[in-house]
Amino acid sequence: MKIELLYFDGCPSWQTGLDKLKTALLMEHFGDSVELIKVKDDSDAARLKFLGSPSFRIDGQDLWPEERDTYSLSCRVYTTPEGLKGWPSVDMLREKIRAAKGDSQ
C-alpha cells in the first residue's frame, strides 16, 4: 500500500498528524513508510485535489473523502471523540488503515 500525507508549511497540525499516522501504522504492524507530499501553492492544491493539511491517502484515496469544486492551501479539521482537532486520532487512523487492508477487526 502507498501511504501519503499531504501538507503545506503554514499548517501547524501536519507534524502531529504525521506522528499519529506513524503510531497507527506501528500499532497495526504495518511497515510501509509514509510519503510526505508538500503542497506549494493553489495550483498544486488543485492538481492534487488537496482537501487541506494534513490529508491522509492510501493508494491515492483520501481516507476522509469529500466533494469539492475548488482546492486551496488550507488547514483541515477532523471530528474526533475529543472534539474538533487538526488531525484524526490514532484510533480513527487505525480504523481507516484496517479498512484499506481489507481487515474487519
PDB file of N, CA and C in Angstrom:
ATOM      1  N   MET A   1       0.843  -1.185   0.000  1.00  0.00           N
ATOM      2  CA  MET A   1       0.000   0.000   0.000  1.00  0.00           C
ATOM      3  C   MET A   1       0.887   1.247   0.000  1.00  0.00           C
ATOM      4  N   LYS A   2       0.462   2.227  -0.743  1.00  0.00           N
ATOM      5  CA  LYS A   2       1.158   3.513  -0.785  1.00  0.00           C
ATOM      6  C   LYS A   2       0.464   4.460   0.184  1.00  0.00           C
ATOM      7  N   ILE A   3       1.214   4.946   1.173  1.00  0.00           N
ATOM      8  CA  ILE A   3       0.656   5.811   2.204  1.00  0.00           C
ATOM      9  C   ILE A   3       1.253   7.206   2.039  1.00  0.00           C
ATOM     10  N   GLU A   4       0.377   8.207   1.935  1.00  0.00           N
ATOM     11  CA  GLU A   4       0.817   9.578   1.724  1.00  0.00           C
ATOM     12  C   GLU A   4       0.200  10.505   2.763  1.00  0.00           C
ATOM     13  N   LEU A   5       0.976  11.498   3.146  1.00  0.00           N
ATOM     14  CA  LEU A   5       0.463  12.597   3.956  1.00  0.00           C
ATOM     15  C   LEU A   5       0.718  13.866   3.154  1.00  0.00           C
ATOM     16  N   LEU A   6      -0.356  14.582   2.838  1.00  0.00           N
ATOM     17  CA  LEU A   6      -0.252  15.843   2.101  1.00  0.00           C
ATOM     18  C   LEU A   6      -0.354  16.984   3.096  1.00  0.00           C
ATOM     19  N   TYR A   7       0.496  17.994   2.922  1.00  0.00           N
ATOM     20  CA  TYR A   7       0.550  19.103   3.870  1.00  0.00           C
ATOM     21  C   TYR A   7       1.068  20.353   3.177  1.00  0.00           C
ATOM     22  N   PHE A   8       0.973  21.487   3.884  1.00  0.00           N
ATOM     23  CA  PHE A   8       1.692  22.679   3.457  1.00  0.00           C
ATOM     24  C   PHE A   8       2.372  23.284   4.686  1.00  0.00           C
ATOM     25  N   ASP A   9       3.459  24.005   4.443  1.00  0.00           N
ATOM     26  CA  ASP A   9       4.306  24.503   5.534  1.00  0.00           C
ATOM     27  C   ASP A   9       3.571  25.370   6.541  1.00  0.00           C
ATOM     28  N   GLY A  10       2.575  26.138   6.116  1.00  0.00           N
ATOM     29  CA  GLY A  10       1.885  27.045   7.019  1.00  0.00           C
ATOM     30  C   GLY A  10       0.919  26.383   7.973  1.00  0.00           C
ATOM     31  N   CYS A  11       0.724  25.089   7.849  1.00  0.00           N
ATOM     32  CA  CYS A  11      -0.218  24.366   8.705  1.00  0.00           C
ATOM     33  C   CYS A  11       0.480  23.930   9.991  1.00  0.00           C
ATOM     34  N   PRO A  12      -0.057  24.308  11.159  1.00  0.00           N
ATOM     35  CA  PRO A  12       0.576  23.911  12.417  1.00  0.00           C
ATOM     36  C   PRO A  12       0.259  22.468  12.838  1.00  0.00           C
ATOM     37  N   SER A  13      -0.625  21.788  12.112  1.00  0.00           N
ATOM     38  CA  SER A  13      -1.110  20.476  12.557  1.00  0.00           C
ATOM     39  C   SER A  13      -0.477  19.282  11.852  1.00  0.00           C
ATOM     40  N   TRP A  14       0.198  19.498  10.735  1.00  0.00           N
ATOM     41  CA  TRP A  14       0.604  18.348   9.934  1.00  0.00           C
ATOM     42  C   TRP A  14       1.617  17.458  10.634  1.00  0.00           C
ATOM     43  N   GLN A  15       2.518  18.020  11.442  1.00  0.00           N
ATOM     44  CA  GLN A  15       3.522  17.187  12.099  1.00  0.00           C
ATOM     45  C   GLN A  15       2.889  16.296  13.174  1.00  0.00           C
ATOM     46  N   THR A  16       1.905  16.825  13.892  1.00  0.00           N
ATOM     47  CA  THR A  16       1.177  15.987  14.854  1.00  0.00           C
ATOM     48  C   THR A  16       0.413  14.908  14.103  1.00  0.00           C
ATOM     49  N   GLY A  17      -0.187  15.263  12.965  1.00  0.00           N
ATOM     50  CA  GLY A  17      -0.871  14.275  12.130  1.00  0.00           C
ATOM     51  C   GLY A  17       0.066  13.174  11.677  1.00  0.00           C
ATOM     52  N   LEU A  18       1.294  13.540  11.305  1.00  0.00           N
ATOM     53  CA  LEU A  18       2.289  12.540  10.900  1.00  0.00           C
ATOM     54  C   LEU A  18       2.640  11.627  12.064  1.00  0.00           C
ATOM     55  N   ASP A  19       2.829  12.195  13.247  1.00  0.00           N
ATOM     56  CA  ASP A  19       3.128  11.385  14.434  1.00  0.00           C
ATOM     57  C   ASP A  19       1.998  10.399  14.716  1.00  0.00           C
ATOM     58  N   LYS A  20       0.751  10.858  14.631  1.00  0.00           N
ATOM     59  CA  LYS A  20      -0.409   9.983  14.873  1.00  0.00           C
ATOM     60  C   LYS A  20      -0.459   8.866  13.829  1.00  0.00           C
ATOM     61  N   LEU A  21      -0.180   9.214  12.569  1.00  0.00           N
ATOM     62  CA  LEU A  21      -0.194   8.213  11.499  1.00  0.00           C
ATOM     63  C   LEU A  21       0.894   7.163  11.725  1.00  0.00           C
ATOM     64  N   LYS A  22       2.087   7.592  12.081  1.00  0.00           N
ATOM     65  CA  LYS A  22       3.175   6.636  12.331  1.00  0.00           C
ATOM     66  C   LYS A  22       2.836   5.720  13.498  1.00  0.00           C
ATOM     67  N   THR A  23       2.228   6.275  14.537  1.00  0.00           N
ATOM     68  CA  THR A  23       1.811   5.453  15.684  1.00  0.00           C
ATOM     69  C   THR A  23       0.772   4.425  15.256  1.00  0.00           C
ATOM     70  N   ALA A  24      -0.216   4.863  14.469  1.00  0.00           N
ATOM     71  CA  ALA A  24      -1.259   3.951  13.992  1.00  0.00           C
ATOM     72  C   ALA A  24      -0.663   2.839  13.139  1.00  0.00           C
ATOM     73  N   LEU A  25       0.272   3.182  12.277  1.00  0.00           N
ATOM     74  CA  LEU A  25       0.906   2.171  11.421  1.00  0.00           C
ATOM     75  C   LEU A  25       1.681   1.156  12.252  1.00  0.00           C
ATOM     76  N   LEU A  26       2.402   1.617  13.272  1.00  0.00           N
ATOM     77  CA  LEU A  26       3.123   0.699  14.161  1.00  0.00           C
ATOM     78  C   LEU A  26       2.153  -0.220  14.899  1.00  0.00           C
ATOM     79  N   MET A  27       1.072   0.336  15.401  1.00  0.00           N
ATOM     80  CA  MET A  27       0.092  -0.457  16.150  1.00  0.00           C
ATOM     81  C   MET A  27      -0.594  -1.491  15.260  1.00  0.00           C
ATOM     82  N   GLU A  28      -0.670  -1.207  13.969  1.00  0.00           N
ATOM     83  CA  GLU A  28      -1.272  -2.148  13.018  1.00  0.00           C
ATOM     84  C   GLU A  28      -0.213  -3.073  12.402  1.00  0.00           C
ATOM     85  N   HIS A  29       1.010  -3.018  12.959  1.00  0.00           N
ATOM     86  CA  HIS A  29       2.119  -3.858  12.468  1.00  0.00           C
ATOM     87  C   HIS A  29       2.331  -3.655  10.979  1.00  0.00           C
ATOM     88  N   PHE A  30       2.355  -2.404  10.593  1.00  0.00           N
ATOM     89  CA  PHE A  30       2.459  -2.044   9.195  1.00  0.00           C
ATOM     90  C   PHE A  30       3.801  -1.368   8.986  1.00  0.00           C
ATOM     91  N   GLY A  31       4.619  -1.917   8.107  1.00  0.00           N
ATOM     92  CA  GLY A  31       5.970  -1.422   7.946  1.00  0.00           C
ATOM     93  C   GLY A  31       6.174  -0.394   6.857  1.00  0.00           C
ATOM     94  N   ASP A  32       5.162  -0.143   6.041  1.00  0.00           N
ATOM     95  CA  ASP A  32       5.369   0.781   4.932  1.00  0.00           C
ATOM     96  C   ASP A  32       5.650   2.182   5.427  1.00  0.00           C
ATOM     97  N   SER A  33       6.494   2.873   4.693  1.00  0.00           N
ATOM     98  CA  SER A  33       6.826   4.239   5.068  1.00  0.00           C
ATOM     99  C   SER A  33       5.782   5.210   4.526  1.00  0.00           C
ATOM    100  N   VAL A  34       5.808   6.403   5.074  1.00  0.00           N
ATOM    101  CA  VAL A  34       4.877   7.454   4.688  1.00  0.00           C
ATOM    102  C   VAL A  34       5.583   8.390   3.720  1.00  0.00           C
ATOM    103  N   GLU A  35       4.955   8.642   2.583  1.00  0.00           N
ATOM    104  CA  GLU A  35       5.482   9.612   1.638  1.00  0.00           C
ATOM    105  C   GLU A  35       4.878  10.971   1.960  1.00  0.00           C
ATOM    106  N   LEU A  36       5.739  11.937   2.238  1.00  0.00           N
ATOM    107  CA  LEU A  36       5.279  13.301   2.510  1.00  0.00           C
ATOM    108  C   LEU A  36       5.167  14.058   1.196  1.00  0.00           C
ATOM    109  N   ILE A  37       4.011  14.667   0.973  1.00  0.00           N
ATOM    110  CA  ILE A  37       3.786  15.449  -0.240  1.00  0.00           C
ATOM    111  C   ILE A  37       3.510  16.888   0.180  1.00  0.00           C
ATOM    112  N   LYS A  38       4.469  17.755  -0.134  1.00  0.00           N
ATOM    113  CA  LYS A  38       4.353  19.175   0.209  1.00  0.00           C
ATOM    114  C   LYS A  38       3.571  19.882  -0.894  1.00  0.00           C
ATOM    115  N   VAL A  39       2.463  20.499  -0.511  1.00  0.00           N
ATOM    116  CA  VAL A  39       1.637  21.265  -1.444  1.00  0.00           C
ATOM    117  C   VAL A  39       2.141  22.706  -1.377  1.00  0.00           C
ATOM    118  N   LYS A  40       2.622  23.213  -2.508  1.00  0.00           N
ATOM    119  CA  LYS A  40       3.331  24.501  -2.500  1.00  0.00           C
ATOM    120  C   LYS A  40       2.439  25.705  -2.745  1.00  0.00           C
ATOM    121  N   ASP A  41       1.367  25.533  -3.534  1.00  0.00           N
ATOM    122  CA  ASP A  41       0.519  26.678  -3.880  1.00  0.00           C
ATOM    123  C   ASP A  41      -0.862  26.171  -4.311  1.00  0.00           C
ATOM    124  N   ASP A  42      -1.739  27.111  -4.656  1.00  0.00           N
ATOM    125  CA  ASP A  42      -3.113  26.732  -5.018  1.00  0.00           C
ATOM    126  C   ASP A  42      -3.178  25.891  -6.282  1.00  0.00           C
ATOM    127  N   SER A  43      -2.244  26.078  -7.214  1.00  0.00           N
ATOM    128  CA  SER A  43      -2.268  25.239  -8.417  1.00  0.00           C
ATOM    129  C   SER A  43      -1.879  23.800  -8.068  1.00  0.00           C
ATOM    130  N   ASP A  44      -0.912  23.625  -7.155  1.00  0.00           N
ATOM    131  CA  ASP A  44      -0.598  22.287  -6.633  1.00  0.00           C
ATOM    132  C   ASP A  44      -1.827  21.690  -5.960  1.00  0.00           C
ATOM    133  N   ALA A  45      -2.498  22.505  -5.152  1.00  0.00           N
ATOM    134  CA  ALA A  45      -3.689  22.041  -4.427  1.00  0.00           C
ATOM    135  C   ALA A  45      -4.753  21.541  -5.406  1.00  0.00           C
ATOM    136  N   ALA A  46      -4.974  22.282  -6.477  1.00  0.00           N
ATOM    137  CA  ALA A  46      -5.978  21.872  -7.466  1.00  0.00           C
ATOM    138  C   ALA A  46      -5.547  20.589  -8.174  1.00  0.00           C
ATOM    139  N   ARG A  47      -4.291  20.517  -8.576  1.00  0.00           N
ATOM    140  CA  ARG A  47      -3.789  19.337  -9.290  1.00  0.00           C
ATOM    141  C   ARG A  47      -3.891  18.081  -8.424  1.00  0.00           C
ATOM    142  N   LEU A  48      -3.603  18.224  -7.134  1.00  0.00           N
ATOM    143  CA  LEU A  48      -3.603  17.087  -6.214  1.00  0.00           C
ATOM    144  C   LEU A  48      -4.965  16.834  -5.562  1.00  0.00           C
ATOM    145  N   LYS A  49      -5.954  17.710  -5.849  1.00  0.00           N
ATOM    146  CA  LYS A  49      -7.265  17.636  -5.184  1.00  0.00           C
ATOM    147  C   LYS A  49      -7.067  17.602  -3.661  1.00  0.00           C
ATOM    148  N   PHE A  50      -6.307  18.587  -3.210  1.00  0.00           N
ATOM    149  CA  PHE A  50      -5.887  18.712  -1.819  1.00  0.00           C
ATOM    150  C   PHE A  50      -7.042  19.207  -0.955  1.00  0.00           C
ATOM    151  N   LEU A  51      -7.423  18.402   0.040  1.00  0.00           N
ATOM    152  CA  LEU A  51      -8.569  18.721   0.891  1.00  0.00           C
ATOM    153  C   LEU A  51      -8.185  19.472   2.156  1.00  0.00           C
ATOM    154  N   GLY A  52      -6.929  19.793   2.304  1.00  0.00           N
ATOM    155  CA  GLY A  52      -6.466  20.510   3.488  1.00  0.00           C
ATOM    156  C   GLY A  52      -5.366  19.744   4.185  1.00  0.00           C
ATOM    157  N   SER A  53      -4.647  20.463   5.036  1.00  0.00           N
ATOM    158  CA  SER A  53      -3.485  19.898   5.705  1.00  0.00           C
ATOM    159  C   SER A  53      -3.796  19.591   7.165  1.00  0.00           C
ATOM    160  N   PRO A  54      -3.473  18.383   7.606  1.00  0.00           N
ATOM    161  CA  PRO A  54      -2.918  17.277   6.853  1.00  0.00           C
ATOM    162  C   PRO A  54      -4.019  16.437   6.209  1.00  0.00           C
ATOM    163  N   SER A  55      -3.714  15.881   5.044  1.00  0.00           N
ATOM    164  CA  SER A  55      -4.603  14.920   4.391  1.00  0.00           C
ATOM    165  C   SER A  55      -3.873  13.583   4.310  1.00  0.00           C
ATOM    166  N   PHE A  56      -4.611  12.527   4.488  1.00  0.00           N
ATOM    167  CA  PHE A  56      -4.049  11.181   4.533  1.00  0.00           C
ATOM    168  C   PHE A  56      -4.620  10.381   3.373  1.00  0.00           C
ATOM    169  N   ARG A  57      -3.745   9.746   2.593  1.00  0.00           N
ATOM    170  CA  ARG A  57      -4.184   8.933   1.466  1.00  0.00           C
ATOM    171  C   ARG A  57      -3.529   7.566   1.514  1.00  0.00           C
ATOM    172  N   ILE A  58      -4.301   6.565   1.135  1.00  0.00           N
ATOM    173  CA  ILE A  58      -3.771   5.226   0.921  1.00  0.00           C
ATOM    174  C   ILE A  58      -4.124   4.836  -0.502  1.00  0.00           C
ATOM    175  N   ASP A  59      -3.090   4.464  -1.252  1.00  0.00           N
ATOM    176  CA  ASP A  59      -3.240   4.105  -2.667  1.00  0.00           C
ATOM    177  C   ASP A  59      -4.018   5.169  -3.443  1.00  0.00           C
ATOM    178  N   GLY A  60      -3.715   6.431  -3.152  1.00  0.00           N
ATOM    179  CA  GLY A  60      -4.303   7.550  -3.878  1.00  0.00           C
ATOM    180  C   GLY A  60      -5.689   7.976  -3.431  1.00  0.00           C
ATOM    181  N   GLN A  61      -6.267   7.279  -2.463  1.00  0.00           N
ATOM    182  CA  GLN A  61      -7.614   7.591  -1.992  1.00  0.00           C
ATOM    183  C   GLN A  61      -7.549   8.292  -0.636  1.00  0.00           C
ATOM    184  N   ASP A  62      -8.181   9.461  -0.564  1.00  0.00           N
ATOM    185  CA  ASP A  62      -8.225  10.184   0.704  1.00  0.00           C
ATOM    186  C   ASP A  62      -9.008   9.355   1.723  1.00  0.00           C
ATOM    187  N   LEU A  63      -8.508   9.290   2.940  1.00  0.00           N
ATOM    188  CA  LEU A  63      -9.179   8.486   3.966  1.00  0.00           C
ATOM    189  C   LEU A  63     -10.460   9.133   4.475  1.00  0.00           C
ATOM    190  N   TRP A  64     -10.605  10.440   4.282  1.00  0.00           N
ATOM    191  CA  TRP A  64     -11.825  11.164   4.626  1.00  0.00           C
ATOM    192  C   TRP A  64     -12.238  11.977   3.396  1.00  0.00           C
ATOM    193  N   PRO A  65     -12.747  11.299   2.371  1.00  0.00           N
ATOM    194  CA  PRO A  65     -13.043  11.997   1.115  1.00  0.00           C
ATOM    195  C   PRO A  65     -14.210  12.966   1.244  1.00  0.00           C
ATOM    196  N   GLU A  66     -14.186  13.965   0.386  1.00  0.00           N
ATOM    197  CA  GLU A  66     -15.301  14.904   0.288  1.00  0.00           C
ATOM    198  C   GLU A  66     -15.275  15.517  -1.105  1.00  0.00           C
ATOM    199  N   GLU A  67     -16.429  15.912  -1.561  1.00  0.00           N
ATOM    200  CA  GLU A  67     -16.544  16.545  -2.872  1.00  0.00           C
ATOM    201  C   GLU A  67     -16.261  18.032  -2.744  1.00  0.00           C
ATOM    202  N   ARG A  68     -15.507  18.564  -3.680  1.00  0.00           N
ATOM    203  CA  ARG A  68     -15.184  19.993  -3.698  1.00  0.00           C
ATOM    204  C   ARG A  68     -15.156  20.478  -5.138  1.00  0.00           C
ATOM    205  N   ASP A  69     -15.433  21.760  -5.306  1.00  0.00           N
ATOM    206  CA  ASP A  69     -15.285  22.398  -6.613  1.00  0.00           C
ATOM    207  C   ASP A  69     -13.944  23.116  -6.719  1.00  0.00           C
ATOM    208  N   THR A  70     -13.425  23.589  -5.584  1.00  0.00           N
ATOM    209  CA  THR A  70     -12.149  24.308  -5.590  1.00  0.00           C
ATOM    210  C   THR A  70     -11.245  23.745  -4.500  1.00  0.00           C
ATOM    211  N   TYR A  71      -9.959  23.922  -4.718  1.00  0.00           N
ATOM    212  CA  TYR A  71      -8.947  23.431  -3.788  1.00  0.00           C
ATOM    213  C   TYR A  71      -7.949  24.547  -3.536  1.00  0.00           C
ATOM    214  N   SER A  72      -7.468  24.647  -2.289  1.00  0.00           N
ATOM    215  CA  SER A  72      -6.506  25.696  -1.954  1.00  0.00           C
ATOM    216  C   SER A  72      -5.679  25.257  -0.755  1.00  0.00           C
ATOM    217  N   LEU A  73      -4.660  26.068  -0.453  1.00  0.00           N
ATOM    218  CA  LEU A  73      -3.873  25.819   0.749  1.00  0.00           C
ATOM    219  C   LEU A  73      -4.742  26.159   1.954  1.00  0.00           C
ATOM    220  N   SER A  74      -5.046  25.161   2.742  1.00  0.00           N
ATOM    221  CA  SER A  74      -5.876  25.366   3.925  1.00  0.00           C
ATOM    222  C   SER A  74      -5.564  24.278   4.942  1.00  0.00           C
ATOM    223  N   CYS A  75      -5.890  24.564   6.182  1.00  0.00           N
ATOM    224  CA  CYS A  75      -5.773  23.556   7.226  1.00  0.00           C
ATOM    225  C   CYS A  75      -7.065  22.748   7.258  1.00  0.00           C
ATOM    226  N   ARG A  76      -6.946  21.518   7.669  1.00  0.00           N
ATOM    227  CA  ARG A  76      -8.089  20.616   7.703  1.00  0.00           C
ATOM    228  C   ARG A  76      -8.476  20.357   9.157  1.00  0.00           C
ATOM    229  N   VAL A  77      -9.763  20.152   9.386  1.00  0.00           N
ATOM    230  CA  VAL A  77     -10.266  19.875  10.727  1.00  0.00           C
ATOM    231  C   VAL A  77     -10.971  18.522  10.708  1.00  0.00           C
ATOM    232  N   TYR A  78     -10.749  17.742  11.737  1.00  0.00           N
ATOM    233  CA  TYR A  78     -11.342  16.410  11.867  1.00  0.00           C
ATOM    234  C   TYR A  78     -12.240  16.362  13.095  1.00  0.00           C
ATOM    235  N   THR A  79     -13.371  15.690  12.979  1.00  0.00           N
ATOM    236  CA  THR A  79     -14.253  15.463  14.114  1.00  0.00           C
ATOM    237  C   THR A  79     -13.764  14.210  14.826  1.00  0.00           C
ATOM    238  N   THR A  80     -13.213  14.391  16.021  1.00  0.00           N
ATOM    239  CA  THR A  80     -12.664  13.281  16.797  1.00  0.00           C
ATOM    240  C   THR A  80     -13.513  13.070  18.049  1.00  0.00           C
ATOM    241  N   PRO A  81     -13.294  11.973  18.765  1.00  0.00           N
ATOM    242  CA  PRO A  81     -14.008  11.774  20.031  1.00  0.00           C
ATOM    243  C   PRO A  81     -13.744  12.887  21.045  1.00  0.00           C
ATOM    244  N   GLU A  82     -12.625  13.586  20.907  1.00  0.00           N
ATOM    245  CA  GLU A  82     -12.286  14.690  21.809  1.00  0.00           C
ATOM    246  C   GLU A  82     -12.754  16.039  21.272  1.00  0.00           C
ATOM    247  N   GLY A  83     -13.503  16.042  20.181  1.00  0.00           N
ATOM    248  CA  GLY A  83     -13.955  17.287  19.569  1.00  0.00           C
ATOM    249  C   GLY A  83     -13.185  17.574  18.292  1.00  0.00           C
ATOM    250  N   LEU A  84     -13.327  18.781  17.767  1.00  0.00           N
ATOM    251  CA  LEU A  84     -12.646  19.160  16.534  1.00  0.00           C
ATOM    252  C   LEU A  84     -11.148  19.324  16.788  1.00  0.00           C
ATOM    253  N   LYS A  85     -10.362  18.691  15.917  1.00  0.00           N
ATOM    254  CA  LYS A  85      -8.895  18.761  16.010  1.00  0.00           C
ATOM    255  C   LYS A  85      -8.325  18.951  14.613  1.00  0.00           C
ATOM    256  N   GLY A  86      -7.070  19.334  14.555  1.00  0.00           N
ATOM    257  CA  GLY A  86      -6.372  19.489  13.289  1.00  0.00           C
ATOM    258  C   GLY A  86      -5.800  18.190  12.756  1.00  0.00           C
ATOM    259  N   TRP A  87      -6.131  17.079  13.395  1.00  0.00           N
ATOM    260  CA  TRP A  87      -5.652  15.763  12.985  1.00  0.00           C
ATOM    261  C   TRP A  87      -6.620  14.716  13.530  1.00  0.00           C
ATOM    262  N   PRO A  88      -6.699  13.562  12.875  1.00  0.00           N
ATOM    263  CA  PRO A  88      -7.538  12.478  13.405  1.00  0.00           C
ATOM    264  C   PRO A  88      -6.821  11.767  14.553  1.00  0.00           C
ATOM    265  N   SER A  89      -7.579  11.074  15.365  1.00  0.00           N
ATOM    266  CA  SER A  89      -6.987  10.305  16.460  1.00  0.00           C
ATOM    267  C   SER A  89      -6.282   9.064  15.903  1.00  0.00           C
ATOM    268  N   VAL A  90      -5.425   8.472  16.710  1.00  0.00           N
ATOM    269  CA  VAL A  90      -4.744   7.237  16.324  1.00  0.00           C
ATOM    270  C   VAL A  90      -5.774   6.155  16.027  1.00  0.00           C
ATOM    271  N   ASP A  91      -6.814   6.039  16.855  1.00  0.00           N
ATOM    272  CA  ASP A  91      -7.841   5.016  16.626  1.00  0.00           C
ATOM    273  C   ASP A  91      -8.585   5.238  15.305  1.00  0.00           C
ATOM    274  N   MET A  92      -8.854   6.494  14.969  1.00  0.00           N
ATOM    275  CA  MET A  92      -9.508   6.795  13.693  1.00  0.00           C
ATOM    276  C   MET A  92      -8.620   6.355  12.527  1.00  0.00           C
ATOM    277  N   LEU A  93      -7.345   6.643  12.623  1.00  0.00           N
ATOM    278  CA  LEU A  93      -6.402   6.246  11.574  1.00  0.00           C
ATOM    279  C   LEU A  93      -6.278   4.729  11.493  1.00  0.00           C
ATOM    280  N   ARG A  94      -6.218   4.065  12.635  1.00  0.00           N
ATOM    281  CA  ARG A  94      -6.127   2.594  12.642  1.00  0.00           C
ATOM    282  C   ARG A  94      -7.328   1.977  11.933  1.00  0.00           C
ATOM    283  N   GLU A  95      -8.508   2.518  12.191  1.00  0.00           N
ATOM    284  CA  GLU A  95      -9.722   2.004  11.552  1.00  0.00           C
ATOM    285  C   GLU A  95      -9.627   2.140  10.029  1.00  0.00           C
ATOM    286  N   LYS A  96      -9.161   3.283   9.554  1.00  0.00           N
ATOM    287  CA  LYS A  96      -9.038   3.513   8.110  1.00  0.00           C
ATOM    288  C   LYS A  96      -7.966   2.619   7.495  1.00  0.00           C
ATOM    289  N   ILE A  97      -6.867   2.409   8.212  1.00  0.00           N
ATOM    290  CA  ILE A  97      -5.804   1.533   7.720  1.00  0.00           C
ATOM    291  C   ILE A  97      -6.303   0.101   7.601  1.00  0.00           C
ATOM    292  N   ARG A  98      -7.023  -0.363   8.628  1.00  0.00           N
ATOM    293  CA  ARG A  98      -7.586  -1.724   8.581  1.00  0.00           C
ATOM    294  C   ARG A  98      -8.548  -1.869   7.424  1.00  0.00           C
ATOM    295  N   ALA A  99      -9.386  -0.863   7.205  1.00  0.00           N
ATOM    296  CA  ALA A  99     -10.345  -0.909   6.095  1.00  0.00           C
ATOM    297  C   ALA A  99      -9.605  -0.975   4.756  1.00  0.00           C
ATOM    298  N   ALA A 100      -8.536  -0.210   4.625  1.00  0.00           N
ATOM    299  CA  ALA A 100      -7.771  -0.211   3.379  1.00  0.00           C
ATOM    300  C   ALA A 100      -7.087  -1.550   3.143  1.00  0.00           C
ATOM    301  N   LYS A 101      -6.670  -2.202   4.224  1.00  0.00           N
ATOM    302  CA  LYS A 101      -6.038  -3.513   4.128  1.00  0.00           C
ATOM    303  C   LYS A 101      -7.057  -4.616   3.910  1.00  0.00           C
ATOM    304  N   GLY A 102      -8.335  -4.306   4.145  1.00  0.00           N
ATOM    305  CA  GLY A 102      -9.372  -5.318   3.997  1.00  0.00           C
ATOM    306  C   GLY A 102      -9.646  -6.094   5.261  1.00  0.00           C
ATOM    307  N   ASP A 103      -9.114  -5.619   6.392  1.00  0.00           N
ATOM    308  CA  ASP A 103      -9.370  -6.282   7.686  1.00  0.00           C
ATOM    309  C   ASP A 103     -10.688  -5.777   8.246  1.00  0.00           C
ATOM    310  N   SER A 104     -11.399  -6.632   8.943  1.00  0.00           N
ATOM    311  CA  SER A 104     -12.696  -6.226   9.513  1.00  0.00           C
ATOM    312  C   SER A 104     -12.647  -6.133  11.026  1.00  0.00           C
ATOM    313  N   GLN A 105     -11.468  -6.175  11.625  1.00  0.00           N
ATOM    314  CA  GLN A 105     -11.324  -6.122  13.082  1.00  0.00           C
ATOM    315  C   GLN A 105     -11.956  -4.881  13.647  1.00  0.00           C
TER     316      GLN A 105
END
